[in-house]
């Protein structure tokens, strides 16, 4: 089973999502977790590298729902570790 960590900023953004948005995001996370070991992601999640970054990834969880994550060092041997960085709409891509 994969492990995860979320930055404080992620939790702040997550708390601003509506209950329905949080549920939709968590459903997408379940799909991601189910396929992490295989490395073959569901096309609906549109997982891709973030703007040429070598280690940040973008996940689409709704028509205007995005999340950014990266892989961290394994916490449990043989299991991926995800570090959630941002979550929200397209505005998470704008520099602050």
PDB file of N, CA and C in Angstrom:
ATOM      1  N   UNK A   1       0.847  -1.174   0.000  1.00  0.00           N
ATOM      2  CA  UNK A   1       0.000   0.000   0.000  1.00  0.00           C
ATOM      3  C   UNK A   1       0.892   1.237   0.000  1.00  0.00           C
ATOM      4  N   UNK A   2       0.667   2.167  -0.919  1.00  0.00           N
ATOM      5  CA  UNK A   2       1.456   3.401  -0.959  1.00  0.00           C
ATOM      6  C   UNK A   2       1.277   4.221   0.318  1.00  0.00           C
ATOM      7  N   UNK A   3       2.252   5.042   0.613  1.00  0.00           N
ATOM      8  CA  UNK A   3       2.167   5.963   1.744  1.00  0.00           C
ATOM      9  C   UNK A   3       2.114   7.380   1.183  1.00  0.00           C
ATOM     10  N   UNK A   4       1.740   8.338   2.043  1.00  0.00           N
ATOM     11  CA  UNK A   4       1.687   9.713   1.566  1.00  0.00           C
ATOM     12  C   UNK A   4       1.989  10.683   2.694  1.00  0.00           C
ATOM     13  N   UNK A   5       2.308  11.870   2.268  1.00  0.00           N
ATOM     14  CA  UNK A   5       2.500  13.018   3.141  1.00  0.00           C
ATOM     15  C   UNK A   5       1.922  14.209   2.391  1.00  0.00           C
ATOM     16  N   UNK A   6       1.402  15.179   3.099  1.00  0.00           N
ATOM     17  CA  UNK A   6       0.892  16.384   2.448  1.00  0.00           C
ATOM     18  C   UNK A   6       1.488  17.604   3.127  1.00  0.00           C
ATOM     19  N   UNK A   7       1.944  18.538   2.315  1.00  0.00           N
ATOM     20  CA  UNK A   7       2.469  19.798   2.832  1.00  0.00           C
ATOM     21  C   UNK A   7       1.348  20.596   3.498  1.00  0.00           C
ATOM     22  N   UNK A   8       1.718  21.490   4.389  1.00  0.00           N
ATOM     23  CA  UNK A   8       0.741  22.337   5.082  1.00  0.00           C
ATOM     24  C   UNK A   8      -0.093  23.145   4.083  1.00  0.00           C
ATOM     25  N   UNK A   9       0.547  23.625   3.064  1.00  0.00           N
ATOM     26  CA  UNK A   9      -0.159  24.395   2.039  1.00  0.00           C
ATOM     27  C   UNK A   9      -1.257  23.552   1.389  1.00  0.00           C
ATOM     28  N   UNK A  10      -0.950  22.287   1.106  1.00  0.00           N
ATOM     29  CA  UNK A  10      -1.940  21.381   0.533  1.00  0.00           C
ATOM     30  C   UNK A  10      -3.166  21.293   1.440  1.00  0.00           C
ATOM     31  N   UNK A  11      -2.947  21.092   2.739  1.00  0.00           N
ATOM     32  CA  UNK A  11      -4.071  20.956   3.671  1.00  0.00           C
ATOM     33  C   UNK A  11      -4.907  22.227   3.735  1.00  0.00           C
ATOM     34  N   UNK A  12      -4.266  23.387   3.666  1.00  0.00           N
ATOM     35  CA  UNK A  12      -5.028  24.650   3.635  1.00  0.00           C
ATOM     36  C   UNK A  12      -5.909  24.708   2.395  1.00  0.00           C
ATOM     37  N   UNK A  13      -5.329  24.360   1.246  1.00  0.00           N
ATOM     38  CA  UNK A  13      -6.101  24.388   0.006  1.00  0.00           C
ATOM     39  C   UNK A  13      -7.206  23.340   0.025  1.00  0.00           C
ATOM     40  N   UNK A  14      -6.894  22.173   0.535  1.00  0.00           N
ATOM     41  CA  UNK A  14      -7.891  21.099   0.615  1.00  0.00           C
ATOM     42  C   UNK A  14      -9.071  21.540   1.485  1.00  0.00           C
ATOM     43  N   UNK A  15      -8.815  22.229   2.582  1.00  0.00           N
ATOM     44  CA  UNK A  15      -9.885  22.659   3.482  1.00  0.00           C
ATOM     45  C   UNK A  15     -10.803  23.688   2.825  1.00  0.00           C
ATOM     46  N   UNK A  16     -10.306  24.378   1.798  1.00  0.00           N
ATOM     47  CA  UNK A  16     -11.127  25.360   1.082  1.00  0.00           C
ATOM     48  C   UNK A  16     -12.032  24.730   0.031  1.00  0.00           C
ATOM     49  N   UNK A  17     -11.778  23.461  -0.307  1.00  0.00           N
ATOM     50  CA  UNK A  17     -12.637  22.777  -1.271  1.00  0.00           C
ATOM     51  C   UNK A  17     -13.988  22.500  -0.630  1.00  0.00           C
ATOM     52  N   UNK A  18     -15.029  22.473  -1.446  1.00  0.00           N
ATOM     53  CA  UNK A  18     -16.347  22.093  -0.930  1.00  0.00           C
ATOM     54  C   UNK A  18     -16.318  20.608  -0.580  1.00  0.00           C
ATOM     55  N   UNK A  19     -17.294  20.167   0.179  1.00  0.00           N
ATOM     56  CA  UNK A  19     -17.381  18.745   0.540  1.00  0.00           C
ATOM     57  C   UNK A  19     -17.459  17.879  -0.716  1.00  0.00           C
ATOM     58  N   UNK A  20     -18.218  18.332  -1.710  1.00  0.00           N
ATOM     59  CA  UNK A  20     -18.342  17.571  -2.963  1.00  0.00           C
ATOM     60  C   UNK A  20     -16.998  17.502  -3.693  1.00  0.00           C
ATOM     61  N   UNK A  21     -16.250  18.611  -3.705  1.00  0.00           N
ATOM     62  CA  UNK A  21     -14.932  18.617  -4.344  1.00  0.00           C
ATOM     63  C   UNK A  21     -13.962  17.698  -3.599  1.00  0.00           C
ATOM     64  N   UNK A  22     -14.000  17.733  -2.277  1.00  0.00           N
ATOM     65  CA  UNK A  22     -13.135  16.841  -1.501  1.00  0.00           C
ATOM     66  C   UNK A  22     -13.435  15.386  -1.823  1.00  0.00           C
ATOM     67  N   UNK A  23     -14.703  15.038  -1.912  1.00  0.00           N
ATOM     68  CA  UNK A  23     -15.098  13.664  -2.232  1.00  0.00           C
ATOM     69  C   UNK A  23     -14.613  13.270  -3.621  1.00  0.00           C
ATOM     70  N   UNK A  24     -14.765  14.157  -4.583  1.00  0.00           N
ATOM     71  CA  UNK A  24     -14.305  13.883  -5.947  1.00  0.00           C
ATOM     72  C   UNK A  24     -12.795  13.686  -5.969  1.00  0.00           C
ATOM     73  N   UNK A  25     -12.068  14.533  -5.258  1.00  0.00           N
ATOM     74  CA  UNK A  25     -10.619  14.388  -5.187  1.00  0.00           C
ATOM     75  C   UNK A  25     -10.240  13.046  -4.563  1.00  0.00           C
ATOM     76  N   UNK A  26     -10.889  12.681  -3.460  1.00  0.00           N
ATOM     77  CA  UNK A  26     -10.563  11.414  -2.787  1.00  0.00           C
ATOM     78  C   UNK A  26     -10.866  10.209  -3.668  1.00  0.00           C
ATOM     79  N   UNK A  27     -11.885  10.302  -4.482  1.00  0.00           N
ATOM     80  CA  UNK A  27     -12.168   9.216  -5.443  1.00  0.00           C
ATOM     81  C   UNK A  27     -11.019   9.084  -6.446  1.00  0.00           C
ATOM     82  N   UNK A  28     -10.527  10.210  -6.915  1.00  0.00           N
ATOM     83  CA  UNK A  28      -9.401  10.189  -7.850  1.00  0.00           C
ATOM     84  C   UNK A  28      -8.160   9.612  -7.175  1.00  0.00           C
ATOM     85  N   UNK A  29      -7.941   9.961  -5.916  1.00  0.00           N
ATOM     86  CA  UNK A  29      -6.795   9.420  -5.174  1.00  0.00           C
ATOM     87  C   UNK A  29      -6.905   7.904  -5.061  1.00  0.00           C
ATOM     88  N   UNK A  30      -8.107   7.407  -4.819  1.00  0.00           N
ATOM     89  CA  UNK A  30      -8.297   5.945  -4.755  1.00  0.00           C
ATOM     90  C   UNK A  30      -7.923   5.294  -6.085  1.00  0.00           C
ATOM     91  N   UNK A  31      -8.293   5.930  -7.193  1.00  0.00           N
ATOM     92  CA  UNK A  31      -7.918   5.397  -8.512  1.00  0.00           C
ATOM     93  C   UNK A  31      -6.400   5.421  -8.681  1.00  0.00           C
ATOM     94  N   UNK A  32      -5.785   6.500  -8.255  1.00  0.00           N
ATOM     95  CA  UNK A  32      -4.332   6.619  -8.340  1.00  0.00           C
ATOM     96  C   UNK A  32      -3.664   5.522  -7.521  1.00  0.00           C
ATOM     97  N   UNK A  33      -4.089   5.356  -6.281  1.00  0.00           N
ATOM     98  CA  UNK A  33      -3.498   4.357  -5.389  1.00  0.00           C
ATOM     99  C   UNK A  33      -3.630   2.953  -5.977  1.00  0.00           C
ATOM    100  N   UNK A  34      -4.781   2.678  -6.576  1.00  0.00           N
ATOM    101  CA  UNK A  34      -5.018   1.341  -7.141  1.00  0.00           C
ATOM    102  C   UNK A  34      -4.059   1.019  -8.281  1.00  0.00           C
ATOM    103  N   UNK A  35      -3.486   2.047  -8.903  1.00  0.00           N
ATOM    104  CA  UNK A  35      -2.626   1.802 -10.058  1.00  0.00           C
ATOM    105  C   UNK A  35      -1.165   2.189  -9.853  1.00  0.00           C
ATOM    106  N   UNK A  36      -0.814   2.720  -8.696  1.00  0.00           N
ATOM    107  CA  UNK A  36       0.560   3.178  -8.475  1.00  0.00           C
ATOM    108  C   UNK A  36       1.598   2.082  -8.673  1.00  0.00           C
ATOM    109  N   UNK A  37       1.310   0.912  -8.213  1.00  0.00           N
ATOM    110  CA  UNK A  37       2.293  -0.165  -8.325  1.00  0.00           C
ATOM    111  C   UNK A  37       2.570  -0.516  -9.782  1.00  0.00           C
ATOM    112  N   UNK A  38       1.547  -0.448 -10.631  1.00  0.00           N
ATOM    113  CA  UNK A  38       1.727  -0.831 -12.026  1.00  0.00           C
ATOM    114  C   UNK A  38       2.395   0.276 -12.839  1.00  0.00           C
ATOM    115  N   UNK A  39       2.240   1.531 -12.394  1.00  0.00           N
ATOM    116  CA  UNK A  39       2.800   2.650 -13.145  1.00  0.00           C
ATOM    117  C   UNK A  39       1.969   3.037 -14.349  1.00  0.00           C
ATOM    118  N   UNK A  40       0.848   2.361 -14.545  1.00  0.00           N
ATOM    119  CA  UNK A  40      -0.063   2.664 -15.646  1.00  0.00           C
ATOM    120  C   UNK A  40      -1.300   3.345 -15.068  1.00  0.00           C
ATOM    121  N   UNK A  41      -1.426   4.639 -15.311  1.00  0.00           N
ATOM    122  CA  UNK A  41      -2.487   5.417 -14.678  1.00  0.00           C
ATOM    123  C   UNK A  41      -3.744   5.447 -15.530  1.00  0.00           C
ATOM    124  N   UNK A  42      -4.924   5.559 -14.889  1.00  0.00           N
ATOM    125  CA  UNK A  42      -6.172   5.677 -15.639  1.00  0.00           C
ATOM    126  C   UNK A  42      -6.146   6.939 -16.506  1.00  0.00           C
ATOM    127  N   UNK A  43      -6.484   6.832 -17.783  1.00  0.00           N
ATOM    128  CA  UNK A  43      -6.468   7.998 -18.664  1.00  0.00           C
ATOM    129  C   UNK A  43      -7.310   9.158 -18.136  1.00  0.00           C
ATOM    130  N   UNK A  44      -8.396   8.871 -17.446  1.00  0.00           N
ATOM    131  CA  UNK A  44      -9.289   9.928 -16.937  1.00  0.00           C
ATOM    132  C   UNK A  44      -8.576  10.858 -15.962  1.00  0.00           C
ATOM    133  N   UNK A  45      -7.550  10.378 -15.265  1.00  0.00           N
ATOM    134  CA  UNK A  45      -6.833  11.215 -14.300  1.00  0.00           C
ATOM    135  C   UNK A  45      -5.828  12.150 -14.976  1.00  0.00           C
ATOM    136  N   UNK A  46      -5.556  11.911 -16.242  1.00  0.00           N
ATOM    137  CA  UNK A  46      -4.642  12.746 -17.017  1.00  0.00           C
ATOM    138  C   UNK A  46      -3.387  13.115 -16.221  1.00  0.00           C
ATOM    139  N   UNK A  47      -2.735  12.125 -15.702  1.00  0.00           N
ATOM    140  CA  UNK A  47      -1.506  12.346 -14.935  1.00  0.00           C
ATOM    141  C   UNK A  47      -0.359  12.597 -15.909  1.00  0.00           C
ATOM    142  N   UNK A  48       0.339  13.703 -15.668  1.00  0.00           N
ATOM    143  CA  UNK A  48       1.464  14.056 -16.529  1.00  0.00           C
ATOM    144  C   UNK A  48       2.456  14.890 -15.729  1.00  0.00           C
ATOM    145  N   UNK A  49       3.660  14.970 -16.254  1.00  0.00           N
ATOM    146  CA  UNK A  49       4.669  15.819 -15.607  1.00  0.00           C
ATOM    147  C   UNK A  49       4.190  17.259 -15.639  1.00  0.00           C
ATOM    148  N   UNK A  50       4.495  17.978 -14.583  1.00  0.00           N
ATOM    149  CA  UNK A  50       4.064  19.363 -14.471  1.00  0.00           C
ATOM    150  C   UNK A  50       5.058  20.297 -15.136  1.00  0.00           C
ATOM    151  N   UNK A  51       4.638  20.949 -16.188  1.00  0.00           N
ATOM    152  CA  UNK A  51       5.399  21.999 -16.883  1.00  0.00           C
ATOM    153  C   UNK A  51       6.900  21.742 -16.989  1.00  0.00           C
ATOM    154  N   UNK A  52       7.234  20.598 -17.501  1.00  0.00           N
ATOM    155  CA  UNK A  52       8.632  20.293 -17.723  1.00  0.00           C
ATOM    156  C   UNK A  52       9.421  19.948 -16.476  1.00  0.00           C
ATOM    157  N   UNK A  53       8.754  19.842 -15.340  1.00  0.00           N
ATOM    158  CA  UNK A  53       9.443  19.498 -14.103  1.00  0.00           C
ATOM    159  C   UNK A  53       9.849  18.026 -14.133  1.00  0.00           C
ATOM    160  N   UNK A  54      11.007  17.748 -13.625  1.00  0.00           N
ATOM    161  CA  UNK A  54      11.472  16.366 -13.591  1.00  0.00           C
ATOM    162  C   UNK A  54      10.792  15.552 -12.492  1.00  0.00           C
ATOM    163  N   UNK A  55      10.306  16.230 -11.440  1.00  0.00           N
ATOM    164  CA  UNK A  55       9.775  15.440 -10.323  1.00  0.00           C
ATOM    165  C   UNK A  55       8.398  15.864  -9.818  1.00  0.00           C
ATOM    166  N   UNK A  56       7.748  16.854 -10.417  1.00  0.00           N
ATOM    167  CA  UNK A  56       6.388  17.217 -10.030  1.00  0.00           C
ATOM    168  C   UNK A  56       5.425  16.650 -11.061  1.00  0.00           C
ATOM    169  N   UNK A  57       4.291  16.168 -10.567  1.00  0.00           N
ATOM    170  CA  UNK A  57       3.264  15.574 -11.419  1.00  0.00           C
ATOM    171  C   UNK A  57       1.937  16.274 -11.198  1.00  0.00           C
ATOM    172  N   UNK A  58       1.151  16.350 -12.261  1.00  0.00           N
ATOM    173  CA  UNK A  58      -0.187  16.951 -12.222  1.00  0.00           C
ATOM    174  C   UNK A  58      -1.224  15.845 -12.357  1.00  0.00           C
ATOM    175  N   UNK A  59      -2.255  15.907 -11.545  1.00  0.00           N
ATOM    176  CA  UNK A  59      -3.373  14.967 -11.596  1.00  0.00           C
ATOM    177  C   UNK A  59      -4.649  15.771 -11.815  1.00  0.00           C
ATOM    178  N   UNK A  60      -5.474  15.344 -12.754  1.00  0.00           N
ATOM    179  CA  UNK A  60      -6.761  15.986 -13.006  1.00  0.00           C
ATOM    180  C   UNK A  60      -7.836  15.186 -12.289  1.00  0.00           C
ATOM    181  N   UNK A  61      -8.536  15.815 -11.358  1.00  0.00           N
ATOM    182  CA  UNK A  61      -9.570  15.095 -10.611  1.00  0.00           C
ATOM    183  C   UNK A  61     -10.979  15.604 -10.891  1.00  0.00           C
ATOM    184  N   UNK A  62     -11.099  16.656 -11.676  1.00  0.00           N
ATOM    185  CA  UNK A  62     -12.392  17.213 -12.088  1.00  0.00           C
ATOM    186  C   UNK A  62     -12.118  18.116 -13.292  1.00  0.00           C
ATOM    187  N   UNK A  63     -13.160  18.544 -14.022  1.00  0.00           N
ATOM    188  CA  UNK A  63     -12.912  19.426 -15.166  1.00  0.00           C
ATOM    189  C   UNK A  63     -12.042  20.638 -14.805  1.00  0.00           C
ATOM    190  N   UNK A  64     -12.234  21.208 -13.631  1.00  0.00           N
ATOM    191  CA  UNK A  64     -11.366  22.304 -13.178  1.00  0.00           C
ATOM    192  C   UNK A  64     -10.747  21.942 -11.828  1.00  0.00           C
ATOM    193  N   UNK A  65     -10.414  20.688 -11.651  1.00  0.00           N
ATOM    194  CA  UNK A  65      -9.792  20.230 -10.415  1.00  0.00           C
ATOM    195  C   UNK A  65      -8.419  19.649 -10.695  1.00  0.00           C
ATOM    196  N   UNK A  66      -7.420  20.205 -10.055  1.00  0.00           N
ATOM    197  CA  UNK A  66      -6.045  19.755 -10.263  1.00  0.00           C
ATOM    198  C   UNK A  66      -5.358  19.545  -8.924  1.00  0.00           C
ATOM    199  N   UNK A  67      -4.384  18.660  -8.939  1.00  0.00           N
ATOM    200  CA  UNK A  67      -3.533  18.456  -7.778  1.00  0.00           C
ATOM    201  C   UNK A  67      -2.104  18.257  -8.274  1.00  0.00           C
ATOM    202  N   UNK A  68      -1.161  18.723  -7.499  1.00  0.00           N
ATOM    203  CA  UNK A  68       0.255  18.519  -7.802  1.00  0.00           C
ATOM    204  C   UNK A  68       0.855  17.625  -6.729  1.00  0.00           C
ATOM    205  N   UNK A  69       1.696  16.707  -7.170  1.00  0.00           N
ATOM    206  CA  UNK A  69       2.370  15.816  -6.232  1.00  0.00           C
ATOM    207  C   UNK A  69       3.738  15.467  -6.772  1.00  0.00           C
ATOM    208  N   UNK A  70       4.529  14.892  -5.893  1.00  0.00           N
ATOM    209  CA  UNK A  70       5.820  14.339  -6.306  1.00  0.00           C
ATOM    210  C   UNK A  70       6.036  13.053  -5.540  1.00  0.00           C
ATOM    211  N   UNK A  71       6.943  12.267  -6.028  1.00  0.00           N
ATOM    212  CA  UNK A  71       7.307  11.040  -5.326  1.00  0.00           C
ATOM    213  C   UNK A  71       8.391  11.363  -4.301  1.00  0.00           C
ATOM    214  N   UNK A  72       8.273  10.775  -3.127  1.00  0.00           N
ATOM    215  CA  UNK A  72       9.287  10.931  -2.097  1.00  0.00           C
ATOM    216  C   UNK A  72      10.005   9.611  -1.877  1.00  0.00           C
ATOM    217  N   UNK A  73      10.949   9.629  -0.966  1.00  0.00           N
ATOM    218  CA  UNK A  73      11.653   8.395  -0.611  1.00  0.00           C
ATOM    219  C   UNK A  73      10.670   7.402  -0.012  1.00  0.00           C
ATOM    220  N   UNK A  74      10.835   6.143  -0.347  1.00  0.00           N
ATOM    221  CA  UNK A  74       9.944   5.104   0.171  1.00  0.00           C
ATOM    222  C   UNK A  74       9.966   5.084   1.692  1.00  0.00           C
ATOM    223  N   UNK A  75       8.794   4.994   2.289  1.00  0.00           N
ATOM    224  CA  UNK A  75       8.655   4.847   3.731  1.00  0.00           C
ATOM    225  C   UNK A  75       8.614   3.359   4.050  1.00  0.00           C
ATOM    226  N   UNK A  76       7.899   2.609   3.205  1.00  0.00           N
ATOM    227  CA  UNK A  76       7.860   1.153   3.286  1.00  0.00           C
ATOM    228  C   UNK A  76       8.497   0.604   2.023  1.00  0.00           C
ATOM    229  N   UNK A  77       9.457  -0.250   2.188  1.00  0.00           N
ATOM    230  CA  UNK A  77      10.196  -0.791   1.054  1.00  0.00           C
ATOM    231  C   UNK A  77       9.249  -1.384   0.005  1.00  0.00           C
ATOM    232  N   UNK A  78       9.464  -0.966  -1.247  1.00  0.00           N
ATOM    233  CA  UNK A  78       8.682  -1.495  -2.354  1.00  0.00           C
ATOM    234  C   UNK A  78       7.342  -0.814  -2.574  1.00  0.00           C
ATOM    235  N   UNK A  79       7.065   0.231  -1.779  1.00  0.00           N
ATOM    236  CA  UNK A  79       5.784   0.939  -1.899  1.00  0.00           C
ATOM    237  C   UNK A  79       6.051   2.419  -2.185  1.00  0.00           C
ATOM    238  N   UNK A  80       5.406   2.969  -3.215  1.00  0.00           N
ATOM    239  CA  UNK A  80       5.621   4.379  -3.524  1.00  0.00           C
ATOM    240  C   UNK A  80       5.177   5.297  -2.386  1.00  0.00           C
ATOM    241  N   UNK A  81       5.831   6.427  -2.280  1.00  0.00           N
ATOM    242  CA  UNK A  81       5.469   7.444  -1.290  1.00  0.00           C
ATOM    243  C   UNK A  81       5.142   8.720  -2.055  1.00  0.00           C
ATOM    244  N   UNK A  82       3.919   9.223  -1.889  1.00  0.00           N
ATOM    245  CA  UNK A  82       3.439  10.418  -2.582  1.00  0.00           C
ATOM    246  C   UNK A  82       3.474  11.608  -1.627  1.00  0.00           C
ATOM    247  N   UNK A  83       3.977  12.718  -2.115  1.00  0.00           N
ATOM    248  CA  UNK A  83       3.955  13.966  -1.349  1.00  0.00           C
ATOM    249  C   UNK A  83       3.023  14.923  -2.090  1.00  0.00           C
ATOM    250  N   UNK A  84       1.882  15.202  -1.498  1.00  0.00           N
ATOM    251  CA  UNK A  84       0.905  16.112  -2.084  1.00  0.00           C
ATOM    252  C   UNK A  84       1.362  17.545  -1.845  1.00  0.00           C
ATOM    253  N   UNK A  85       1.376  18.341  -2.915  1.00  0.00           N
ATOM    254  CA  UNK A  85       1.897  19.706  -2.850  1.00  0.00           C
ATOM    255  C   UNK A  85       0.809  20.770  -2.929  1.00  0.00           C
ATOM    256  N   UNK A  86      -0.113  20.624  -3.872  1.00  0.00           N
ATOM    257  CA  UNK A  86      -1.164  21.627  -4.107  1.00  0.00           C
ATOM    258  C   UNK A  86      -2.438  20.908  -4.508  1.00  0.00           C
ATOM    259  N   UNK A  87      -3.586  21.552  -4.279  1.00  0.00           N
ATOM    260  CA  UNK A  87      -4.868  21.025  -4.739  1.00  0.00           C
ATOM    261  C   UNK A  87      -5.823  22.192  -4.922  1.00  0.00           C
ATOM    262  N   UNK A  88      -6.627  22.131  -5.963  1.00  0.00           N
ATOM    263  CA  UNK A  88      -7.598  23.189  -6.225  1.00  0.00           C
ATOM    264  C   UNK A  88      -7.957  23.245  -7.685  1.00  0.00           C
ATOM    265  N   UNK A  89      -8.199  24.469  -8.169  1.00  0.00           N
ATOM    266  CA  UNK A  89      -8.512  24.689  -9.570  1.00  0.00           C
ATOM    267  C   UNK A  89      -7.241  25.075 -10.310  1.00  0.00           C
ATOM    268  N   UNK A  90      -7.405  25.502 -11.553  1.00  0.00           N
ATOM    269  CA  UNK A  90      -6.236  25.890 -12.355  1.00  0.00           C
ATOM    270  C   UNK A  90      -5.396  26.976 -11.704  1.00  0.00           C
ATOM    271  N   UNK A  91      -5.980  27.725 -10.788  1.00  0.00           N
ATOM    272  CA  UNK A  91      -5.219  28.820 -10.164  1.00  0.00           C
ATOM    273  C   UNK A  91      -4.040  28.338  -9.330  1.00  0.00           C
ATOM    274  N   UNK A  92      -3.985  27.069  -9.010  1.00  0.00           N
ATOM    275  CA  UNK A  92      -2.817  26.565  -8.271  1.00  0.00           C
ATOM    276  C   UNK A  92      -1.559  26.615  -9.116  1.00  0.00           C
ATOM    277  N   UNK A  93      -1.732  26.772 -10.445  1.00  0.00           N
ATOM    278  CA  UNK A  93      -0.590  26.819 -11.346  1.00  0.00           C
ATOM    279  C   UNK A  93       0.027  28.215 -11.460  1.00  0.00           C
ATOM    280  N   UNK A  94      -0.678  29.216 -10.968  1.00  0.00           N
ATOM    281  CA  UNK A  94      -0.167  30.587 -11.041  1.00  0.00           C
ATOM    282  C   UNK A  94       0.865  30.827  -9.951  1.00  0.00           C
ATOM    283  N   UNK A  95       1.945  31.510 -10.288  1.00  0.00           N
ATOM    284  CA  UNK A  95       2.925  31.837  -9.240  1.00  0.00           C
ATOM    285  C   UNK A  95       2.306  32.805  -8.230  1.00  0.00           C
ATOM    286  N   UNK A  96       2.731  32.673  -7.008  1.00  0.00           N
ATOM    287  CA  UNK A  96       2.203  33.559  -5.959  1.00  0.00           C
ATOM    288  C   UNK A  96       3.115  34.721  -5.722  1.00  0.00           C
TER     289      UNK A  96
END
